[in-house]
PDB file of all heavy atoms in Angstrom:
ATOM      1  N   LEU A   1      36.857  19.002  -4.515  1.00  0.00           N
ATOM      2  CA  LEU A   1      36.685  18.017  -3.455  1.00  0.00           C
ATOM      3  C   LEU A   1      35.256  17.482  -3.482  1.00  0.00           C
ATOM      4  O   LEU A   1      34.385  17.913  -2.718  1.00  0.00           O
ATOM      5  CB  LEU A   1      37.053  18.625  -2.104  1.00  0.00           C
ATOM      6  CG  LEU A   1      38.556  18.947  -1.961  1.00  0.00           C
ATOM      7  CD1 LEU A   1      38.847  19.632  -0.646  1.00  0.00           C
ATOM      8  CD2 LEU A   1      39.400  17.670  -2.110  1.00  0.00           C
ATOM      9  N   HIS A   2      35.020  16.541  -4.375  1.00  0.00           N
ATOM     10  CA  HIS A   2      33.702  15.953  -4.567  1.00  0.00           C
ATOM     11  C   HIS A   2      33.838  14.606  -5.273  1.00  0.00           C
ATOM     12  O   HIS A   2      34.842  14.332  -5.932  1.00  0.00           O
ATOM     13  CB  HIS A   2      32.804  16.889  -5.402  1.00  0.00           C
ATOM     14  CG  HIS A   2      33.415  17.266  -6.721  1.00  0.00           C
ATOM     15  ND1 HIS A   2      33.808  18.545  -7.023  1.00  0.00           N
ATOM     16  CD2 HIS A   2      33.728  16.530  -7.818  1.00  0.00           C
ATOM     17  CE1 HIS A   2      34.314  18.592  -8.235  1.00  0.00           C
ATOM     18  NE2 HIS A   2      34.274  17.377  -8.746  1.00  0.00           N
ATOM     19  N   GLY A   3      32.833  13.771  -5.104  1.00  0.00           N
ATOM     20  CA  GLY A   3      32.789  12.472  -5.768  1.00  0.00           C
ATOM     21  C   GLY A   3      31.414  11.866  -5.600  1.00  0.00           C
ATOM     22  O   GLY A   3      30.489  12.503  -5.093  1.00  0.00           O
ATOM     23  N   VAL A   4      31.255  10.611  -6.020  1.00  0.00           N
ATOM     24  CA  VAL A   4      29.957   9.931  -6.002  1.00  0.00           C
ATOM     25  C   VAL A   4      30.052   8.676  -5.140  1.00  0.00           C
ATOM     26  O   VAL A   4      31.008   7.903  -5.248  1.00  0.00           O
ATOM     27  CB  VAL A   4      29.504   9.562  -7.425  1.00  0.00           C
ATOM     28  CG1 VAL A   4      28.266   8.675  -7.400  1.00  0.00           C
ATOM     29  CG2 VAL A   4      29.225  10.828  -8.232  1.00  0.00           C
ATOM     30  N   LEU A   5      29.041   8.498  -4.291  1.00  0.00           N
ATOM     31  CA  LEU A   5      28.833   7.260  -3.550  1.00  0.00           C
ATOM     32  C   LEU A   5      27.550   6.621  -4.069  1.00  0.00           C
ATOM     33  O   LEU A   5      26.494   7.253  -4.081  1.00  0.00           O
ATOM     34  CB  LEU A   5      28.712   7.542  -2.048  1.00  0.00           C
ATOM     35  CG  LEU A   5      28.177   6.402  -1.177  1.00  0.00           C
ATOM     36  CD1 LEU A   5      29.139   5.221  -1.153  1.00  0.00           C
ATOM     37  CD2 LEU A   5      27.895   6.898   0.245  1.00  0.00           C
ATOM     38  N   VAL A   6      27.644   5.372  -4.513  1.00  0.00           N
ATOM     39  CA  VAL A   6      26.482   4.614  -4.972  1.00  0.00           C
ATOM     40  C   VAL A   6      26.211   3.502  -3.968  1.00  0.00           C
ATOM     41  O   VAL A   6      27.117   2.727  -3.636  1.00  0.00           O
ATOM     42  CB  VAL A   6      26.718   4.019  -6.373  1.00  0.00           C
ATOM     43  CG1 VAL A   6      25.575   3.081  -6.762  1.00  0.00           C
ATOM     44  CG2 VAL A   6      26.869   5.126  -7.406  1.00  0.00           C
ATOM     45  N   VAL A   7      24.982   3.457  -3.482  1.00  0.00           N
ATOM     46  CA  VAL A   7      24.574   2.399  -2.559  1.00  0.00           C
ATOM     47  C   VAL A   7      23.524   1.541  -3.257  1.00  0.00           C
ATOM     48  O   VAL A   7      22.518   2.066  -3.761  1.00  0.00           O
ATOM     49  CB  VAL A   7      24.016   2.969  -1.241  1.00  0.00           C
ATOM     50  CG1 VAL A   7      23.640   1.827  -0.294  1.00  0.00           C
ATOM     51  CG2 VAL A   7      25.048   3.896  -0.577  1.00  0.00           C
ATOM     52  N   LEU A   8      23.768   0.241  -3.305  1.00  0.00           N
ATOM     53  CA  LEU A   8      22.882  -0.709  -3.970  1.00  0.00           C
ATOM     54  C   LEU A   8      22.048  -1.466  -2.942  1.00  0.00           C
ATOM     55  O   LEU A   8      22.486  -1.650  -1.798  1.00  0.00           O
ATOM     56  CB  LEU A   8      23.703  -1.705  -4.792  1.00  0.00           C
ATOM     57  CG  LEU A   8      24.497  -1.116  -5.966  1.00  0.00           C
ATOM     58  CD1 LEU A   8      25.495  -2.142  -6.473  1.00  0.00           C
ATOM     59  CD2 LEU A   8      23.566  -0.684  -7.078  1.00  0.00           C
ATOM     60  N   PRO A   9      20.864  -1.939  -3.326  1.00  0.00           N
ATOM     61  CA  PRO A   9      20.080  -2.775  -2.410  1.00  0.00           C
ATOM     62  C   PRO A   9      20.704  -4.150  -2.266  1.00  0.00           C
ATOM     63  O   PRO A   9      21.505  -4.581  -3.099  1.00  0.00           O
ATOM     64  CB  PRO A   9      18.714  -2.846  -3.105  1.00  0.00           C
ATOM     65  CG  PRO A   9      19.034  -2.687  -4.553  1.00  0.00           C
ATOM     66  CD  PRO A   9      20.201  -1.736  -4.622  1.00  0.00           C
ATOM     67  N   ALA A  10      20.320  -4.853  -1.203  1.00  0.00           N
ATOM     68  CA  ALA A  10      20.875  -6.183  -0.986  1.00  0.00           C
ATOM     69  C   ALA A  10      20.404  -7.172  -2.046  1.00  0.00           C
ATOM     70  O   ALA A  10      21.126  -8.104  -2.392  1.00  0.00           O
ATOM     71  CB  ALA A  10      20.502  -6.675   0.409  1.00  0.00           C
ATOM     72  N   ASP A  11      19.189  -6.987  -2.581  1.00  0.00           N
ATOM     73  CA  ASP A  11      18.676  -7.877  -3.617  1.00  0.00           C
ATOM     74  C   ASP A  11      17.549  -7.170  -4.357  1.00  0.00           C
ATOM     75  O   ASP A  11      17.244  -6.007  -4.100  1.00  0.00           O
ATOM     76  CB  ASP A  11      18.187  -9.208  -3.032  1.00  0.00           C
ATOM     77  CG  ASP A  11      17.200  -9.007  -1.888  1.00  0.00           C
ATOM     78  OD1 ASP A  11      16.404  -8.044  -1.936  1.00  0.00           O
ATOM     79  OD2 ASP A  11      17.232  -9.803  -0.932  1.00  0.00           O
ATOM     80  N   GLY A  12      16.935  -7.892  -5.295  1.00  0.00           N
ATOM     81  CA  GLY A  12      15.835  -7.326  -6.058  1.00  0.00           C
ATOM     82  C   GLY A  12      16.233  -6.956  -7.467  1.00  0.00           C
ATOM     83  O   GLY A  12      17.419  -6.822  -7.778  1.00  0.00           O
ATOM     84  N   PRO A  13      15.241  -6.755  -8.362  1.00  0.00           N
ATOM     85  CA  PRO A  13      15.521  -6.484  -9.784  1.00  0.00           C
ATOM     86  C   PRO A  13      15.819  -5.025 -10.092  1.00  0.00           C
ATOM     87  O   PRO A  13      16.089  -4.694 -11.248  1.00  0.00           O
ATOM     88  CB  PRO A  13      14.223  -6.918 -10.471  1.00  0.00           C
ATOM     89  CG  PRO A  13      13.166  -6.611  -9.448  1.00  0.00           C
ATOM     90  CD  PRO A  13      13.794  -6.900  -8.110  1.00  0.00           C
ATOM     91  N   SER A  14      15.736  -4.133  -9.097  1.00  0.00           N
ATOM     92  CA  SER A  14      15.940  -2.706  -9.357  1.00  0.00           C
ATOM     93  C   SER A  14      17.087  -2.191  -8.495  1.00  0.00           C
ATOM     94  O   SER A  14      17.545  -2.880  -7.581  1.00  0.00           O
ATOM     95  CB  SER A  14      14.653  -1.921  -9.055  1.00  0.00           C
ATOM     96  OG  SER A  14      14.607  -1.533  -7.691  1.00  0.00           O
ATOM     97  N   PRO A  15      17.562  -0.978  -8.762  1.00  0.00           N
ATOM     98  CA  PRO A  15      18.639  -0.410  -7.947  1.00  0.00           C
ATOM     99  C   PRO A  15      18.159   0.197  -6.636  1.00  0.00           C
ATOM    100  O   PRO A  15      18.936   0.864  -5.957  1.00  0.00           O
ATOM    101  CB  PRO A  15      19.226   0.667  -8.871  1.00  0.00           C
ATOM    102  CG  PRO A  15      18.112   1.065  -9.760  1.00  0.00           C
ATOM    103  CD  PRO A  15      17.260  -0.149  -9.943  1.00  0.00           C
ATOM    104  N   TYR A  16      16.914  -0.029  -6.257  1.00  0.00           N
ATOM    105  CA  TYR A  16      16.336   0.605  -5.078  1.00  0.00           C
ATOM    106  C   TYR A  16      15.714  -0.438  -4.160  1.00  0.00           C
ATOM    107  O   TYR A  16      15.271  -1.495  -4.613  1.00  0.00           O
ATOM    108  CB  TYR A  16      15.273   1.635  -5.481  1.00  0.00           C
ATOM    109  CG  TYR A  16      15.749   2.586  -6.547  1.00  0.00           C
ATOM    110  CD1 TYR A  16      15.235   2.511  -7.853  1.00  0.00           C
ATOM    111  CD2 TYR A  16      16.723   3.541  -6.285  1.00  0.00           C
ATOM    112  CE1 TYR A  16      15.678   3.373  -8.844  1.00  0.00           C
ATOM    113  CE2 TYR A  16      17.176   4.401  -7.272  1.00  0.00           C
ATOM    114  CZ  TYR A  16      16.649   4.315  -8.554  1.00  0.00           C
ATOM    115  OH  TYR A  16      17.098   5.159  -9.538  1.00  0.00           O
ATOM    116  N   ALA A  17      15.664  -0.123  -2.875  1.00  0.00           N
ATOM    117  CA  ALA A  17      14.964  -0.958  -1.913  1.00  0.00           C
ATOM    118  C   ALA A  17      13.535  -0.453  -1.757  1.00  0.00           C
ATOM    119  O   ALA A  17      13.313   0.752  -1.628  1.00  0.00           O
ATOM    120  CB  ALA A  17      15.686  -0.922  -0.565  1.00  0.00           C
ATOM    121  N   SER A  18      12.570  -1.349  -1.802  1.00  0.00           N
ATOM    122  CA  SER A  18      11.149  -1.015  -1.618  1.00  0.00           C
ATOM    123  C   SER A  18      10.710   0.146  -2.510  1.00  0.00           C
ATOM    124  O   SER A  18      10.186   1.160  -2.030  1.00  0.00           O
ATOM    125  CB  SER A  18      10.868  -0.677  -0.151  1.00  0.00           C
ATOM    126  OG  SER A  18      11.228  -1.750   0.687  1.00  0.00           O
ATOM    127  N   PRO A  19      10.912   0.055  -3.838  1.00  0.00           N
ATOM    128  CA  PRO A  19      10.466   1.143  -4.720  1.00  0.00           C
ATOM    129  C   PRO A  19       8.944   1.236  -4.751  1.00  0.00           C
ATOM    130  O   PRO A  19       8.251   0.247  -4.504  1.00  0.00           O
ATOM    131  CB  PRO A  19      11.018   0.733  -6.090  1.00  0.00           C
ATOM    132  CG  PRO A  19      11.152  -0.754  -6.011  1.00  0.00           C
ATOM    133  CD  PRO A  19      11.514  -1.059  -4.587  1.00  0.00           C
ATOM    134  N   PRO A  20       8.395   2.434  -5.047  1.00  0.00           N
ATOM    135  CA  PRO A  20       6.936   2.578  -5.193  1.00  0.00           C
ATOM    136  C   PRO A  20       6.403   1.638  -6.280  1.00  0.00           C
ATOM    137  O   PRO A  20       7.162   1.181  -7.148  1.00  0.00           O
ATOM    138  CB  PRO A  20       6.768   4.054  -5.581  1.00  0.00           C
ATOM    139  CG  PRO A  20       8.015   4.725  -5.129  1.00  0.00           C
ATOM    140  CD  PRO A  20       9.097   3.703  -5.238  1.00  0.00           C
ATOM    141  N   PRO A  21       5.101   1.345  -6.273  1.00  0.00           N
ATOM    142  CA  PRO A  21       4.539   0.346  -7.202  1.00  0.00           C
ATOM    143  C   PRO A  21       4.871   0.605  -8.670  1.00  0.00           C
ATOM    144  O   PRO A  21       5.236  -0.329  -9.395  1.00  0.00           O
ATOM    145  CB  PRO A  21       3.038   0.432  -6.930  1.00  0.00           C
ATOM    146  CG  PRO A  21       2.933   0.876  -5.506  1.00  0.00           C
ATOM    147  CD  PRO A  21       4.094   1.817  -5.299  1.00  0.00           C
ATOM    148  N   ALA A  22       4.725   1.854  -9.137  1.00  0.00           N
ATOM    149  CA  ALA A  22       4.969   2.129 -10.558  1.00  0.00           C
ATOM    150  C   ALA A  22       6.429   1.903 -10.912  1.00  0.00           C
ATOM    151  O   ALA A  22       6.757   1.387 -11.992  1.00  0.00           O
ATOM    152  CB  ALA A  22       4.552   3.560 -10.896  1.00  0.00           C
ATOM    153  N   LEU A  23       7.336   2.283 -10.011  1.00  0.00           N
ATOM    154  CA  LEU A  23       8.767   2.104 -10.269  1.00  0.00           C
ATOM    155  C   LEU A  23       9.139   0.631 -10.205  1.00  0.00           C
ATOM    156  O   LEU A  23       9.924   0.130 -11.030  1.00  0.00           O
ATOM    157  CB  LEU A  23       9.572   2.909  -9.250  1.00  0.00           C
ATOM    158  CG  LEU A  23      11.066   3.042  -9.494  1.00  0.00           C
ATOM    159  CD1 LEU A  23      11.348   3.662 -10.857  1.00  0.00           C
ATOM    160  CD2 LEU A  23      11.711   3.882  -8.388  1.00  0.00           C
ATOM    161  N   SER A  24       8.556  -0.075  -9.270  1.00  0.00           N
ATOM    162  CA  SER A  24       8.786  -1.518  -9.185  1.00  0.00           C
ATOM    163  C   SER A  24       8.298  -2.218 -10.444  1.00  0.00           C
ATOM    164  O   SER A  24       8.977  -3.108 -10.987  1.00  0.00           O
ATOM    165  CB  SER A  24       8.074  -2.074  -7.953  1.00  0.00           C
ATOM    166  OG  SER A  24       8.224  -3.468  -7.867  1.00  0.00           O
ATOM    167  N   ALA A  25       7.112  -1.802 -10.944  1.00  0.00           N
ATOM    168  CA  ALA A  25       6.562  -2.415 -12.154  1.00  0.00           C
ATOM    169  C   ALA A  25       7.454  -2.145 -13.361  1.00  0.00           C
ATOM    170  O   ALA A  25       7.634  -3.017 -14.225  1.00  0.00           O
ATOM    171  CB  ALA A  25       5.154  -1.884 -12.402  1.00  0.00           C
ATOM    172  N   LEU A  26       8.038  -0.945 -13.437  1.00  0.00           N
ATOM    173  CA  LEU A  26       8.914  -0.602 -14.555  1.00  0.00           C
ATOM    174  C   LEU A  26      10.089  -1.569 -14.625  1.00  0.00           C
ATOM    175  O   LEU A  26      10.372  -2.150 -15.686  1.00  0.00           O
ATOM    176  CB  LEU A  26       9.411   0.837 -14.404  1.00  0.00           C
ATOM    177  CG  LEU A  26      10.514   1.280 -15.364  1.00  0.00           C
ATOM    178  CD1 LEU A  26      10.036   1.232 -16.814  1.00  0.00           C
ATOM    179  CD2 LEU A  26      11.001   2.685 -15.011  1.00  0.00           C
ATOM    180  N   PHE A  27      10.789  -1.773 -13.516  1.00  0.00           N
ATOM    181  CA  PHE A  27      11.958  -2.647 -13.543  1.00  0.00           C
ATOM    182  C   PHE A  27      11.557  -4.111 -13.701  1.00  0.00           C
ATOM    183  O   PHE A  27      12.288  -4.894 -14.331  1.00  0.00           O
ATOM    184  CB  PHE A  27      12.801  -2.434 -12.285  1.00  0.00           C
ATOM    185  CG  PHE A  27      13.696  -1.226 -12.368  1.00  0.00           C
ATOM    186  CD1 PHE A  27      13.267   0.004 -11.908  1.00  0.00           C
ATOM    187  CD2 PHE A  27      14.958  -1.320 -12.929  1.00  0.00           C
ATOM    188  CE1 PHE A  27      14.078   1.123 -11.992  1.00  0.00           C
ATOM    189  CE2 PHE A  27      15.786  -0.208 -13.022  1.00  0.00           C
ATOM    190  CZ  PHE A  27      15.347   1.014 -12.555  1.00  0.00           C
ATOM    191  N   SER A  28      10.393  -4.499 -13.170  1.00  0.00           N
ATOM    192  CA  SER A  28       9.932  -5.874 -13.339  1.00  0.00           C
ATOM    193  C   SER A  28       9.538  -6.160 -14.780  1.00  0.00           C
ATOM    194  O   SER A  28       9.657  -7.297 -15.250  1.00  0.00           O
ATOM    195  CB  SER A  28       8.739  -6.141 -12.421  1.00  0.00           C
ATOM    196  OG  SER A  28       9.118  -6.047 -11.061  1.00  0.00           O
ATOM    197  N   ASP A  29       9.071  -5.138 -15.499  1.00  0.00           N
ATOM    198  CA  ASP A  29       8.644  -5.314 -16.891  1.00  0.00           C
ATOM    199  C   ASP A  29       9.815  -5.445 -17.857  1.00  0.00           C
ATOM    200  O   ASP A  29       9.651  -5.998 -18.956  1.00  0.00           O
ATOM    201  CB  ASP A  29       7.775  -4.132 -17.338  1.00  0.00           C
ATOM    202  CG  ASP A  29       6.360  -4.198 -16.781  1.00  0.00           C
ATOM    203  OD1 ASP A  29       6.019  -5.214 -16.148  1.00  0.00           O
ATOM    204  OD2 ASP A  29       5.605  -3.224 -16.969  1.00  0.00           O
ATOM    205  N   LEU A  30      10.981  -4.933 -17.483  1.00  0.00           N
ATOM    206  CA  LEU A  30      12.120  -4.939 -18.408  1.00  0.00           C
ATOM    207  C   LEU A  30      12.504  -6.371 -18.764  1.00  0.00           C
ATOM    208  O   LEU A  30      12.834  -7.179 -17.908  1.00  0.00           O
ATOM    209  CB  LEU A  30      13.316  -4.214 -17.786  1.00  0.00           C
ATOM    210  CG  LEU A  30      13.126  -2.719 -17.489  1.00  0.00           C
ATOM    211  CD1 LEU A  30      14.324  -2.166 -16.726  1.00  0.00           C
ATOM    212  CD2 LEU A  30      12.907  -1.928 -18.783  1.00  0.00           C
ATOM    213  N   GLY A  31      12.441  -6.675 -20.057  1.00  0.00           N
ATOM    214  CA  GLY A  31      12.814  -7.998 -20.540  1.00  0.00           C
ATOM    215  C   GLY A  31      11.769  -9.068 -20.349  1.00  0.00           C
ATOM    216  O   GLY A  31      12.001 -10.232 -20.707  1.00  0.00           O
ATOM    217  N   THR A  32      10.592  -8.695 -19.809  1.00  0.00           N
ATOM    218  CA  THR A  32       9.561  -9.710 -19.557  1.00  0.00           C
ATOM    219  C   THR A  32       8.245  -9.390 -20.225  1.00  0.00           C
ATOM    220  O   THR A  32       7.304 -10.195 -20.145  1.00  0.00           O
ATOM    221  CB  THR A  32       9.314  -9.861 -18.041  1.00  0.00           C
ATOM    222  OG1 THR A  32       8.754  -8.655 -17.521  1.00  0.00           O
ATOM    223  CG2 THR A  32      10.604 -10.193 -17.299  1.00  0.00           C
ATOM    224  N   THR A  33       8.145  -8.225 -20.881  1.00  0.00           N
ATOM    225  CA  THR A  33       6.879  -7.806 -21.489  1.00  0.00           C
ATOM    226  C   THR A  33       7.111  -7.395 -22.938  1.00  0.00           C
ATOM    227  O   THR A  33       8.243  -7.096 -23.343  1.00  0.00           O
ATOM    228  CB  THR A  33       6.280  -6.619 -20.716  1.00  0.00           C
ATOM    229  OG1 THR A  33       7.239  -5.541 -20.695  1.00  0.00           O
ATOM    230  CG2 THR A  33       5.940  -7.008 -19.286  1.00  0.00           C
ATOM    231  N   GLY A  34       6.018  -7.350 -23.701  1.00  0.00           N
ATOM    232  CA  GLY A  34       6.115  -6.983 -25.105  1.00  0.00           C
ATOM    233  C   GLY A  34       6.590  -5.571 -25.321  1.00  0.00           C
ATOM    234  O   GLY A  34       7.264  -5.278 -26.321  1.00  0.00           O
ATOM    235  N   HIS A  35       6.247  -4.642 -24.419  1.00  0.00           N
ATOM    236  CA  HIS A  35       6.665  -3.259 -24.627  1.00  0.00           C
ATOM    237  C   HIS A  35       8.092  -3.009 -24.165  1.00  0.00           C
ATOM    238  O   HIS A  35       8.655  -1.950 -24.448  1.00  0.00           O
ATOM    239  CB  HIS A  35       5.695  -2.284 -23.937  1.00  0.00           C
ATOM    240  CG  HIS A  35       5.414  -2.584 -22.509  1.00  0.00           C
ATOM    241  ND1 HIS A  35       4.508  -3.550 -22.140  1.00  0.00           N
ATOM    242  CD2 HIS A  35       5.896  -2.057 -21.358  1.00  0.00           C
ATOM    243  CE1 HIS A  35       4.435  -3.606 -20.819  1.00  0.00           C
ATOM    244  NE2 HIS A  35       5.284  -2.710 -20.322  1.00  0.00           N
ATOM    245  N   PHE A  36       8.717  -3.940 -23.422  1.00  0.00           N
ATOM    246  CA  PHE A  36      10.132  -3.843 -23.057  1.00  0.00           C
ATOM    247  C   PHE A  36      10.831  -5.144 -23.412  1.00  0.00           C
ATOM    248  O   PHE A  36      11.241  -5.900 -22.533  1.00  0.00           O
ATOM    249  CB  PHE A  36      10.314  -3.545 -21.565  1.00  0.00           C
ATOM    250  CG  PHE A  36       9.925  -2.156 -21.164  1.00  0.00           C
ATOM    251  CD1 PHE A  36       9.010  -1.960 -20.145  1.00  0.00           C
ATOM    252  CD2 PHE A  36      10.473  -1.045 -21.785  1.00  0.00           C
ATOM    253  CE1 PHE A  36       8.649  -0.681 -19.760  1.00  0.00           C
ATOM    254  CE2 PHE A  36      10.121   0.235 -21.404  1.00  0.00           C
ATOM    255  CZ  PHE A  36       9.201   0.425 -20.392  1.00  0.00           C
ATOM    256  N   PRO A  37      10.943  -5.465 -24.707  1.00  0.00           N
ATOM    257  CA  PRO A  37      11.607  -6.715 -25.085  1.00  0.00           C
ATOM    258  C   PRO A  37      13.103  -6.638 -24.787  1.00  0.00           C
ATOM    259  O   PRO A  37      13.684  -5.554 -24.705  1.00  0.00           O
ATOM    260  CB  PRO A  37      11.338  -6.799 -26.594  1.00  0.00           C
ATOM    261  CG  PRO A  37      11.214  -5.368 -27.026  1.00  0.00           C
ATOM    262  CD  PRO A  37      10.542  -4.657 -25.877  1.00  0.00           C
ATOM    263  N   GLY A  38      13.702  -7.790 -24.607  1.00  0.00           N
ATOM    264  CA  GLY A  38      15.143  -7.804 -24.387  1.00  0.00           C
ATOM    265  C   GLY A  38      15.495  -8.420 -23.059  1.00  0.00           C
ATOM    266  O   GLY A  38      15.103  -9.551 -22.748  1.00  0.00           O
ATOM    267  N   GLU A  39      16.221  -7.670 -22.238  1.00  0.00           N
ATOM    268  CA  GLU A  39      16.761  -8.202 -20.991  1.00  0.00           C
ATOM    269  C   GLU A  39      16.367  -7.310 -19.818  1.00  0.00           C
ATOM    270  O   GLU A  39      16.100  -6.112 -20.003  1.00  0.00           O
ATOM    271  CB  GLU A  39      18.289  -8.276 -21.077  1.00  0.00           C
ATOM    272  CG  GLU A  39      18.815  -9.100 -22.240  1.00  0.00           C
ATOM    273  CD  GLU A  39      20.325  -8.990 -22.381  1.00  0.00           C
ATOM    274  OE1 GLU A  39      20.972  -8.427 -21.466  1.00  0.00           O
ATOM    275  OE2 GLU A  39      20.848  -9.452 -23.412  1.00  0.00           O
ATOM    276  N   PRO A  40      16.368  -7.849 -18.603  1.00  0.00           N
ATOM    277  CA  PRO A  40      16.191  -6.999 -17.428  1.00  0.00           C
ATOM    278  C   PRO A  40      17.396  -6.076 -17.246  1.00  0.00           C
ATOM    279  O   PRO A  40      18.456  -6.284 -17.841  1.00  0.00           O
ATOM    280  CB  PRO A  40      16.093  -8.005 -16.269  1.00  0.00           C
ATOM    281  CG  PRO A  40      15.830  -9.333 -16.911  1.00  0.00           C
ATOM    282  CD  PRO A  40      16.448  -9.272 -18.274  1.00  0.00           C
ATOM    283  N   TRP A  41      17.219  -5.062 -16.404  1.00  0.00           N
ATOM    284  CA  TRP A  41      18.373  -4.234 -16.041  1.00  0.00           C
ATOM    285  C   TRP A  41      19.326  -5.048 -15.179  1.00  0.00           C
ATOM    286  O   TRP A  41      18.898  -5.874 -14.365  1.00  0.00           O
ATOM    287  CB  TRP A  41      17.917  -3.003 -15.267  1.00  0.00           C
ATOM    288  CG  TRP A  41      19.088  -2.201 -14.745  1.00  0.00           C
ATOM    289  CD1 TRP A  41      19.900  -1.373 -15.458  1.00  0.00           C
ATOM    290  CD2 TRP A  41      19.587  -2.190 -13.409  1.00  0.00           C
ATOM    291  NE1 TRP A  41      20.880  -0.842 -14.649  1.00  0.00           N
ATOM    292  CE2 TRP A  41      20.708  -1.329 -13.382  1.00  0.00           C
ATOM    293  CE3 TRP A  41      19.201  -2.833 -12.223  1.00  0.00           C
ATOM    294  CZ2 TRP A  41      21.449  -1.076 -12.224  1.00  0.00           C
ATOM    295  CZ3 TRP A  41      19.931  -2.593 -11.063  1.00  0.00           C
ATOM    296  CH2 TRP A  41      21.046  -1.722 -11.074  1.00  0.00           C
ATOM    297  N   SER A  42      20.618  -4.843 -15.354  1.00  0.00           N
ATOM    298  CA  SER A  42      21.628  -5.455 -14.486  1.00  0.00           C
ATOM    299  C   SER A  42      22.614  -4.379 -14.072  1.00  0.00           C
ATOM    300  O   SER A  42      22.815  -3.380 -14.768  1.00  0.00           O
ATOM    301  CB  SER A  42      22.350  -6.603 -15.201  1.00  0.00           C
ATOM    302  OG  SER A  42      23.050  -6.124 -16.332  1.00  0.00           O
ATOM    303  N   VAL A  43      23.240  -4.576 -12.937  1.00  0.00           N
ATOM    304  CA  VAL A  43      24.077  -3.540 -12.342  1.00  0.00           C
ATOM    305  C   VAL A  43      25.270  -3.188 -13.235  1.00  0.00           C
ATOM    306  O   VAL A  43      25.797  -2.080 -13.180  1.00  0.00           O
ATOM    307  CB  VAL A  43      24.541  -3.965 -10.930  1.00  0.00           C
ATOM    308  CG1 VAL A  43      25.531  -5.112 -11.008  1.00  0.00           C
ATOM    309  CG2 VAL A  43      25.109  -2.791 -10.158  1.00  0.00           C
TER     310      VAL A  43
END
């Protein structure tokens, strides 16, 4: 008798609301910087 509940933020580039600065920078860098080439994270 167990399962998973996932709660997403209403908006923003990360899966969290008001993430700390370093975590916010990580998701903002995805797909926009040389060290994270490619695409941003998507749900």
